[in-house]
Amino acid sequence: MRELMDEESERLTRLAAEYYRIGCSIVEIVDLLIGKHPNLRSEPFLLAQVLRSAFNLSVHDLHYVTAWAQGEISRETLEGHLQANR
C-alpha cells in the first residue's frame, strides 16, 4: 500500500510541475489535480506531499491549501495568501 501511495505521489508531483511549467498558478494546479483526482480532497496528506515536493510550499501554505480544498476558505483568500508569501 505504501509503495502505491509513493508511486501516485510521484506521478502527481510530476503532473503538478508540468502544469507549473506551462504557466498555471499553484491554485489552478490544485484545482486541476482535485478535478482529475477527487480523492485528493479527502486525502490532505497526499495533496500536501505532492505540493511540498513540487513547489516546496511551507507547512503554513499547505494548511491554507488544505483549508481551501476542504471548503473552509475561499479561493480568493488562498490566492491572496500565496501571492503575499511568494
PDB file of N, CA and C in Angstrom:
ATOM      1  N   MET A   1       0.822  -1.195   0.000  1.00  0.00           N
ATOM      2  CA  MET A   1       0.000   0.000   0.000  1.00  0.00           C
ATOM      3  C   MET A   1       0.866   1.259   0.000  1.00  0.00           C
ATOM      4  N   ARG A   2       1.902   1.258   0.805  1.00  0.00           N
ATOM      5  CA  ARG A   2       2.814   2.409   0.887  1.00  0.00           C
ATOM      6  C   ARG A   2       3.471   2.669  -0.470  1.00  0.00           C
ATOM      7  N   GLU A   3       3.867   1.601  -1.149  1.00  0.00           N
ATOM      8  CA  GLU A   3       4.516   1.729  -2.453  1.00  0.00           C
ATOM      9  C   GLU A   3       3.552   2.347  -3.466  1.00  0.00           C
ATOM     10  N   LEU A   4       2.292   1.942  -3.414  1.00  0.00           N
ATOM     11  CA  LEU A   4       1.288   2.500  -4.307  1.00  0.00           C
ATOM     12  C   LEU A   4       1.119   3.995  -4.061  1.00  0.00           C
ATOM     13  N   MET A   5       1.084   4.410  -2.795  1.00  0.00           N
ATOM     14  CA  MET A   5       0.973   5.833  -2.472  1.00  0.00           C
ATOM     15  C   MET A   5       2.194   6.601  -2.945  1.00  0.00           C
ATOM     16  N   ASP A   6       3.377   6.012  -2.808  1.00  0.00           N
ATOM     17  CA  ASP A   6       4.596   6.670  -3.266  1.00  0.00           C
ATOM     18  C   ASP A   6       4.571   6.865  -4.779  1.00  0.00           C
ATOM     19  N   GLU A   7       4.133   5.851  -5.514  1.00  0.00           N
ATOM     20  CA  GLU A   7       4.038   5.953  -6.966  1.00  0.00           C
ATOM     21  C   GLU A   7       3.030   7.014  -7.376  1.00  0.00           C
ATOM     22  N   GLU A   8       1.877   7.026  -6.718  1.00  0.00           N
ATOM     23  CA  GLU A   8       0.845   8.014  -7.004  1.00  0.00           C
ATOM     24  C   GLU A   8       1.351   9.417  -6.688  1.00  0.00           C
ATOM     25  N   SER A   9       2.020   9.571  -5.569  1.00  0.00           N
ATOM     26  CA  SER A   9       2.570  10.858  -5.182  1.00  0.00           C
ATOM     27  C   SER A   9       3.585  11.351  -6.207  1.00  0.00           C
ATOM     28  N   GLU A  10       4.470  10.494  -6.637  1.00  0.00           N
ATOM     29  CA  GLU A  10       5.478  10.875  -7.636  1.00  0.00           C
ATOM     30  C   GLU A  10       4.832  11.276  -8.958  1.00  0.00           C
ATOM     31  N   ARG A  11       3.837  10.517  -9.377  1.00  0.00           N
ATOM     32  CA  ARG A  11       3.151  10.813 -10.633  1.00  0.00           C
ATOM     33  C   ARG A  11       2.439  12.161 -10.549  1.00  0.00           C
ATOM     34  N   LEU A  12       1.747  12.414  -9.447  1.00  0.00           N
ATOM     35  CA  LEU A  12       1.046  13.680  -9.273  1.00  0.00           C
ATOM     36  C   LEU A  12       2.014  14.851  -9.132  1.00  0.00           C
ATOM     37  N   THR A  13       3.162  14.623  -8.511  1.00  0.00           N
ATOM     38  CA  THR A  13       4.179  15.668  -8.392  1.00  0.00           C
ATOM     39  C   THR A  13       4.694  16.067  -9.769  1.00  0.00           C
ATOM     40  N   ARG A  14       4.959  15.080 -10.601  1.00  0.00           N
ATOM     41  CA  ARG A  14       5.412  15.377 -11.976  1.00  0.00           C
ATOM     42  C   ARG A  14       4.336  16.133 -12.747  1.00  0.00           C
ATOM     43  N   LEU A  15       3.089  15.729 -12.587  1.00  0.00           N
ATOM     44  CA  LEU A  15       1.978  16.396 -13.259  1.00  0.00           C
ATOM     45  C   LEU A  15       1.857  17.847 -12.787  1.00  0.00           C
ATOM     46  N   ALA A  16       1.954  18.075 -11.489  1.00  0.00           N
ATOM     47  CA  ALA A  16       1.882  19.430 -10.946  1.00  0.00           C
ATOM     48  C   ALA A  16       3.017  20.300 -11.487  1.00  0.00           C
ATOM     49  N   ALA A  17       4.213  19.747 -11.541  1.00  0.00           N
ATOM     50  CA  ALA A  17       5.363  20.501 -12.059  1.00  0.00           C
ATOM     51  C   ALA A  17       5.177  20.842 -13.537  1.00  0.00           C
ATOM     52  N   GLU A  18       4.597  19.926 -14.290  1.00  0.00           N
ATOM     53  CA  GLU A  18       4.338  20.177 -15.709  1.00  0.00           C
ATOM     54  C   GLU A  18       3.319  21.300 -15.884  1.00  0.00           C
ATOM     55  N   TYR A  19       2.255  21.272 -15.101  1.00  0.00           N
ATOM     56  CA  TYR A  19       1.271  22.358 -15.154  1.00  0.00           C
ATOM     57  C   TYR A  19       1.933  23.700 -14.826  1.00  0.00           C
ATOM     58  N   TYR A  20       2.828  23.705 -13.852  1.00  0.00           N
ATOM     59  CA  TYR A  20       3.509  24.936 -13.452  1.00  0.00           C
ATOM     60  C   TYR A  20       4.394  25.459 -14.592  1.00  0.00           C
ATOM     61  N   ARG A  21       5.074  24.525 -15.261  1.00  0.00           N
ATOM     62  CA  ARG A  21       5.948  24.920 -16.382  1.00  0.00           C
ATOM     63  C   ARG A  21       5.168  25.561 -17.526  1.00  0.00           C
ATOM     64  N   ILE A  22       3.912  25.167 -17.699  1.00  0.00           N
ATOM     65  CA  ILE A  22       3.136  25.763 -18.796  1.00  0.00           C
ATOM     66  C   ILE A  22       2.416  27.036 -18.362  1.00  0.00           C
ATOM     67  N   GLY A  23       2.628  27.472 -17.128  1.00  0.00           N
ATOM     68  CA  GLY A  23       2.137  28.771 -16.687  1.00  0.00           C
ATOM     69  C   GLY A  23       0.957  28.778 -15.741  1.00  0.00           C
ATOM     70  N   CYS A  24       0.544  27.634 -15.238  1.00  0.00           N
ATOM     71  CA  CYS A  24      -0.566  27.594 -14.273  1.00  0.00           C
ATOM     72  C   CYS A  24      -0.084  28.047 -12.896  1.00  0.00           C
ATOM     73  N   SER A  25      -0.963  28.730 -12.187  1.00  0.00           N
ATOM     74  CA  SER A  25      -0.649  29.110 -10.808  1.00  0.00           C
ATOM     75  C   SER A  25      -0.817  27.889  -9.903  1.00  0.00           C
ATOM     76  N   ILE A  26      -0.317  27.982  -8.699  1.00  0.00           N
ATOM     77  CA  ILE A  26      -0.448  26.872  -7.750  1.00  0.00           C
ATOM     78  C   ILE A  26      -1.918  26.597  -7.449  1.00  0.00           C
ATOM     79  N   VAL A  27      -2.718  27.638  -7.327  1.00  0.00           N
ATOM     80  CA  VAL A  27      -4.145  27.455  -7.056  1.00  0.00           C
ATOM     81  C   VAL A  27      -4.816  26.752  -8.241  1.00  0.00           C
ATOM     82  N   GLU A  28      -4.481  27.155  -9.453  1.00  0.00           N
ATOM     83  CA  GLU A  28      -5.034  26.490 -10.633  1.00  0.00           C
ATOM     84  C   GLU A  28      -4.622  25.020 -10.675  1.00  0.00           C
ATOM     85  N   ILE A  29      -3.379  24.756 -10.299  1.00  0.00           N
ATOM     86  CA  ILE A  29      -2.877  23.382 -10.302  1.00  0.00           C
ATOM     87  C   ILE A  29      -3.625  22.526  -9.288  1.00  0.00           C
ATOM     88  N   VAL A  30      -3.826  23.062  -8.090  1.00  0.00           N
ATOM     89  CA  VAL A  30      -4.571  22.318  -7.072  1.00  0.00           C
ATOM     90  C   VAL A  30      -5.978  22.033  -7.583  1.00  0.00           C
ATOM     91  N   ASP A  31      -6.601  23.024  -8.180  1.00  0.00           N
ATOM     92  CA  ASP A  31      -7.941  22.858  -8.722  1.00  0.00           C
ATOM     93  C   ASP A  31      -7.966  21.768  -9.803  1.00  0.00           C
ATOM     94  N   LEU A  32      -6.986  21.783 -10.695  1.00  0.00           N
ATOM     95  CA  LEU A  32      -6.899  20.762 -11.746  1.00  0.00           C
ATOM     96  C   LEU A  32      -6.656  19.373 -11.159  1.00  0.00           C
ATOM     97  N   LEU A  33      -5.738  19.289 -10.208  1.00  0.00           N
ATOM     98  CA  LEU A  33      -5.430  17.992  -9.595  1.00  0.00           C
ATOM     99  C   LEU A  33      -6.665  17.408  -8.894  1.00  0.00           C
ATOM    100  N   ILE A  34      -7.363  18.241  -8.141  1.00  0.00           N
ATOM    101  CA  ILE A  34      -8.551  17.758  -7.434  1.00  0.00           C
ATOM    102  C   ILE A  34      -9.659  17.415  -8.429  1.00  0.00           C
ATOM    103  N   GLY A  35      -9.738  18.185  -9.506  1.00  0.00           N
ATOM    104  CA  GLY A  35     -10.731  17.885 -10.533  1.00  0.00           C
ATOM    105  C   GLY A  35     -10.508  16.526 -11.177  1.00  0.00           C
ATOM    106  N   LYS A  36      -9.243  16.200 -11.410  1.00  0.00           N
ATOM    107  CA  LYS A  36      -8.904  14.917 -12.035  1.00  0.00           C
ATOM    108  C   LYS A  36      -8.821  13.779 -11.026  1.00  0.00           C
ATOM    109  N   HIS A  37      -8.523  14.122  -9.775  1.00  0.00           N
ATOM    110  CA  HIS A  37      -8.350  13.119  -8.715  1.00  0.00           C
ATOM    111  C   HIS A  37      -9.101  13.577  -7.464  1.00  0.00           C
ATOM    112  N   PRO A  38     -10.434  13.448  -7.474  1.00  0.00           N
ATOM    113  CA  PRO A  38     -11.247  13.943  -6.354  1.00  0.00           C
ATOM    114  C   PRO A  38     -10.861  13.369  -4.990  1.00  0.00           C
ATOM    115  N   ASN A  39     -10.213  12.222  -4.980  1.00  0.00           N
ATOM    116  CA  ASN A  39      -9.786  11.631  -3.705  1.00  0.00           C
ATOM    117  C   ASN A  39      -8.793  12.526  -2.968  1.00  0.00           C
ATOM    118  N   LEU A  40      -8.133  13.441  -3.664  1.00  0.00           N
ATOM    119  CA  LEU A  40      -7.173  14.342  -3.012  1.00  0.00           C
ATOM    120  C   LEU A  40      -7.866  15.268  -2.013  1.00  0.00           C
ATOM    121  N   ARG A  41      -9.129  15.558  -2.252  1.00  0.00           N
ATOM    122  CA  ARG A  41      -9.871  16.423  -1.332  1.00  0.00           C
ATOM    123  C   ARG A  41      -9.994  15.764   0.043  1.00  0.00           C
ATOM    124  N   SER A  42     -10.127  14.450   0.042  1.00  0.00           N
ATOM    125  CA  SER A  42     -10.279  13.726   1.315  1.00  0.00           C
ATOM    126  C   SER A  42      -8.961  13.124   1.810  1.00  0.00           C
ATOM    127  N   GLU A  43      -7.885  13.353   1.057  1.00  0.00           N
ATOM    128  CA  GLU A  43      -6.568  12.866   1.467  1.00  0.00           C
ATOM    129  C   GLU A  43      -5.586  14.034   1.532  1.00  0.00           C
ATOM    130  N   PRO A  44      -5.771  14.911   2.520  1.00  0.00           N
ATOM    131  CA  PRO A  44      -4.934  16.111   2.577  1.00  0.00           C
ATOM    132  C   PRO A  44      -3.442  15.813   2.725  1.00  0.00           C
ATOM    133  N   PHE A  45      -3.100  14.682   3.330  1.00  0.00           N
ATOM    134  CA  PHE A  45      -1.672  14.365   3.454  1.00  0.00           C
ATOM    135  C   PHE A  45      -1.052  14.119   2.085  1.00  0.00           C
ATOM    136  N   LEU A  46      -1.743  13.376   1.231  1.00  0.00           N
ATOM    137  CA  LEU A  46      -1.219  13.111  -0.118  1.00  0.00           C
ATOM    138  C   LEU A  46      -1.133  14.409  -0.909  1.00  0.00           C
ATOM    139  N   LEU A  47      -2.162  15.236  -0.834  1.00  0.00           N
ATOM    140  CA  LEU A  47      -2.134  16.523  -1.530  1.00  0.00           C
ATOM    141  C   LEU A  47      -0.968  17.375  -1.038  1.00  0.00           C
ATOM    142  N   ALA A  48      -0.783  17.451   0.264  1.00  0.00           N
ATOM    143  CA  ALA A  48       0.324  18.229   0.829  1.00  0.00           C
ATOM    144  C   ALA A  48       1.669  17.662   0.401  1.00  0.00           C
ATOM    145  N   GLN A  49       1.785  16.352   0.373  1.00  0.00           N
ATOM    146  CA  GLN A  49       3.033  15.704  -0.045  1.00  0.00           C
ATOM    147  C   GLN A  49       3.367  16.068  -1.496  1.00  0.00           C
ATOM    148  N   VAL A  50       2.373  16.041  -2.351  1.00  0.00           N
ATOM    149  CA  VAL A  50       2.574  16.386  -3.763  1.00  0.00           C
ATOM    150  C   VAL A  50       3.014  17.844  -3.896  1.00  0.00           C
ATOM    151  N   LEU A  51       2.306  18.737  -3.228  1.00  0.00           N
ATOM    152  CA  LEU A  51       2.614  20.164  -3.344  1.00  0.00           C
ATOM    153  C   LEU A  51       3.944  20.525  -2.706  1.00  0.00           C
ATOM    154  N   ARG A  52       4.267  19.881  -1.619  1.00  0.00           N
ATOM    155  CA  ARG A  52       5.562  20.123  -0.965  1.00  0.00           C
ATOM    156  C   ARG A  52       6.701  19.685  -1.881  1.00  0.00           C
ATOM    157  N   SER A  53       6.530  18.528  -2.510  1.00  0.00           N
ATOM    158  CA  SER A  53       7.565  18.010  -3.416  1.00  0.00           C
ATOM    159  C   SER A  53       7.684  18.862  -4.678  1.00  0.00           C
ATOM    160  N   ALA A  54       6.566  19.274  -5.234  1.00  0.00           N
ATOM    161  CA  ALA A  54       6.584  20.025  -6.494  1.00  0.00           C
ATOM    162  C   ALA A  54       7.016  21.473  -6.317  1.00  0.00           C
ATOM    163  N   PHE A  55       6.593  22.107  -5.214  1.00  0.00           N
ATOM    164  CA  PHE A  55       6.788  23.557  -5.069  1.00  0.00           C
ATOM    165  C   PHE A  55       7.481  23.986  -3.787  1.00  0.00           C
ATOM    166  N   ASN A  56       7.831  23.042  -2.939  1.00  0.00           N
ATOM    167  CA  ASN A  56       8.484  23.346  -1.666  1.00  0.00           C
ATOM    168  C   ASN A  56       7.677  24.358  -0.838  1.00  0.00           C
ATOM    169  N   LEU A  57       6.358  24.163  -0.824  1.00  0.00           N
ATOM    170  CA  LEU A  57       5.499  25.050  -0.036  1.00  0.00           C
ATOM    171  C   LEU A  57       5.747  24.841   1.453  1.00  0.00           C
ATOM    172  N   SER A  58       5.585  25.900   2.197  1.00  0.00           N
ATOM    173  CA  SER A  58       5.742  25.810   3.647  1.00  0.00           C
ATOM    174  C   SER A  58       4.546  25.079   4.246  1.00  0.00           C
ATOM    175  N   VAL A  59       4.697  24.645   5.470  1.00  0.00           N
ATOM    176  CA  VAL A  59       3.598  23.985   6.179  1.00  0.00           C
ATOM    177  C   VAL A  59       2.428  24.955   6.305  1.00  0.00           C
ATOM    178  N   HIS A  60       2.704  26.205   6.566  1.00  0.00           N
ATOM    179  CA  HIS A  60       1.661  27.227   6.681  1.00  0.00           C
ATOM    180  C   HIS A  60       0.884  27.350   5.367  1.00  0.00           C
ATOM    181  N   ASP A  61       1.598  27.401   4.233  1.00  0.00           N
ATOM    182  CA  ASP A  61       0.944  27.455   2.924  1.00  0.00           C
ATOM    183  C   ASP A  61       0.106  26.206   2.680  1.00  0.00           C
ATOM    184  N   LEU A  62       0.626  25.057   3.067  1.00  0.00           N
ATOM    185  CA  LEU A  62      -0.097  23.801   2.873  1.00  0.00           C
ATOM    186  C   LEU A  62      -1.383  23.759   3.691  1.00  0.00           C
ATOM    187  N   HIS A  63      -1.375  24.374   4.875  1.00  0.00           N
ATOM    188  CA  HIS A  63      -2.594  24.463   5.677  1.00  0.00           C
ATOM    189  C   HIS A  63      -3.663  25.279   4.945  1.00  0.00           C
ATOM    190  N   TYR A  64      -3.252  26.360   4.309  1.00  0.00           N
ATOM    191  CA  TYR A  64      -4.186  27.169   3.531  1.00  0.00           C
ATOM    192  C   TYR A  64      -4.740  26.382   2.350  1.00  0.00           C
ATOM    193  N   VAL A  65      -3.885  25.670   1.642  1.00  0.00           N
ATOM    194  CA  VAL A  65      -4.336  24.868   0.503  1.00  0.00           C
ATOM    195  C   VAL A  65      -5.340  23.815   0.957  1.00  0.00           C
ATOM    196  N   THR A  66      -5.031  23.133   2.037  1.00  0.00           N
ATOM    197  CA  THR A  66      -5.937  22.110   2.569  1.00  0.00           C
ATOM    198  C   THR A  66      -7.263  22.724   2.983  1.00  0.00           C
ATOM    199  N   ALA A  67      -7.213  23.877   3.627  1.00  0.00           N
ATOM    200  CA  ALA A  67      -8.446  24.555   4.047  1.00  0.00           C
ATOM    201  C   ALA A  67      -9.302  24.907   2.838  1.00  0.00           C
ATOM    202  N   TRP A  68      -8.683  25.370   1.768  1.00  0.00           N
ATOM    203  CA  TRP A  68      -9.432  25.695   0.555  1.00  0.00           C
ATOM    204  C   TRP A  68     -10.004  24.427  -0.084  1.00  0.00           C
ATOM    205  N   ALA A  69      -9.195  23.386  -0.186  1.00  0.00           N
ATOM    206  CA  ALA A  69      -9.644  22.133  -0.804  1.00  0.00           C
ATOM    207  C   ALA A  69     -10.830  21.541  -0.059  1.00  0.00           C
ATOM    208  N   GLN A  70     -10.895  21.788   1.237  1.00  0.00           N
ATOM    209  CA  GLN A  70     -11.985  21.241   2.045  1.00  0.00           C
ATOM    210  C   GLN A  70     -13.126  22.243   2.239  1.00  0.00           C
ATOM    211  N   GLY A  71     -13.058  23.375   1.518  1.00  0.00           N
ATOM    212  CA  GLY A  71     -14.155  24.344   1.538  1.00  0.00           C
ATOM    213  C   GLY A  71     -14.203  25.258   2.742  1.00  0.00           C
ATOM    214  N   GLU A  72     -13.105  25.363   3.473  1.00  0.00           N
ATOM    215  CA  GLU A  72     -13.086  26.173   4.688  1.00  0.00           C
ATOM    216  C   GLU A  72     -12.731  27.638   4.433  1.00  0.00           C
ATOM    217  N   ILE A  73     -12.046  27.911   3.327  1.00  0.00           N
ATOM    218  CA  ILE A  73     -11.725  29.289   2.942  1.00  0.00           C
ATOM    219  C   ILE A  73     -12.007  29.446   1.458  1.00  0.00           C
ATOM    220  N   SER A  74     -12.102  30.683   1.009  1.00  0.00           N
ATOM    221  CA  SER A  74     -12.391  30.947  -0.403  1.00  0.00           C
ATOM    222  C   SER A  74     -11.118  30.836  -1.253  1.00  0.00           C
ATOM    223  N   ARG A  75     -11.336  30.686  -2.537  1.00  0.00           N
ATOM    224  CA  ARG A  75     -10.217  30.660  -3.481  1.00  0.00           C
ATOM    225  C   ARG A  75      -9.458  31.991  -3.425  1.00  0.00           C
ATOM    226  N   GLU A  76     -10.193  33.077  -3.309  1.00  0.00           N
ATOM    227  CA  GLU A  76      -9.567  34.398  -3.248  1.00  0.00           C
ATOM    228  C   GLU A  76      -8.652  34.530  -2.033  1.00  0.00           C
ATOM    229  N   THR A  77      -9.088  33.983  -0.900  1.00  0.00           N
ATOM    230  CA  THR A  77      -8.259  34.012   0.308  1.00  0.00           C
ATOM    231  C   THR A  77      -6.984  33.227   0.090  1.00  0.00           C
ATOM    232  N   LEU A  78      -7.101  32.046  -0.510  1.00  0.00           N
ATOM    233  CA  LEU A  78      -5.916  31.232  -0.790  1.00  0.00           C
ATOM    234  C   LEU A  78      -4.984  31.944  -1.753  1.00  0.00           C
ATOM    235  N   GLU A  79      -5.533  32.474  -2.841  1.00  0.00           N
ATOM    236  CA  GLU A  79      -4.694  33.183  -3.818  1.00  0.00           C
ATOM    237  C   GLU A  79      -3.973  34.361  -3.181  1.00  0.00           C
ATOM    238  N   GLY A  80      -4.689  35.127  -2.369  1.00  0.00           N
ATOM    239  CA  GLY A  80      -4.074  36.267  -1.691  1.00  0.00           C
ATOM    240  C   GLY A  80      -2.955  35.829  -0.755  1.00  0.00           C
ATOM    241  N   HIS A  81      -3.181  34.763  -0.024  1.00  0.00           N
ATOM    242  CA  HIS A  81      -2.154  34.266   0.889  1.00  0.00           C
ATOM    243  C   HIS A  81      -0.910  33.821   0.121  1.00  0.00           C
ATOM    244  N   LEU A  82      -1.105  33.036  -0.928  1.00  0.00           N
ATOM    245  CA  LEU A  82       0.046  32.533  -1.681  1.00  0.00           C
ATOM    246  C   LEU A  82       0.807  33.652  -2.379  1.00  0.00           C
ATOM    247  N   GLN A  83       0.095  34.647  -2.900  1.00  0.00           N
ATOM    248  CA  GLN A  83       0.762  35.781  -3.546  1.00  0.00           C
ATOM    249  C   GLN A  83       1.571  36.591  -2.542  1.00  0.00           C
ATOM    250  N   ALA A  84       1.044  36.738  -1.340  1.00  0.00           N
ATOM    251  CA  ALA A  84       1.743  37.517  -0.309  1.00  0.00           C
ATOM    252  C   ALA A  84       2.992  36.790   0.172  1.00  0.00           C
ATOM    253  N   ASN A  85       3.017  35.473   0.058  1.00  0.00           N
ATOM    254  CA  ASN A  85       4.157  34.703   0.554  1.00  0.00           C
ATOM    255  C   ASN A  85       5.098  34.232  -0.531  1.00  0.00           C
ATOM    256  N   ARG A  86       4.959  34.707  -1.711  1.00  0.00           N
ATOM    257  CA  ARG A  86       5.846  34.304  -2.822  1.00  0.00           C
ATOM    258  C   ARG A  86       6.832  35.378  -3.142  1.00  0.00           C
TER     259      ARG A  86
END
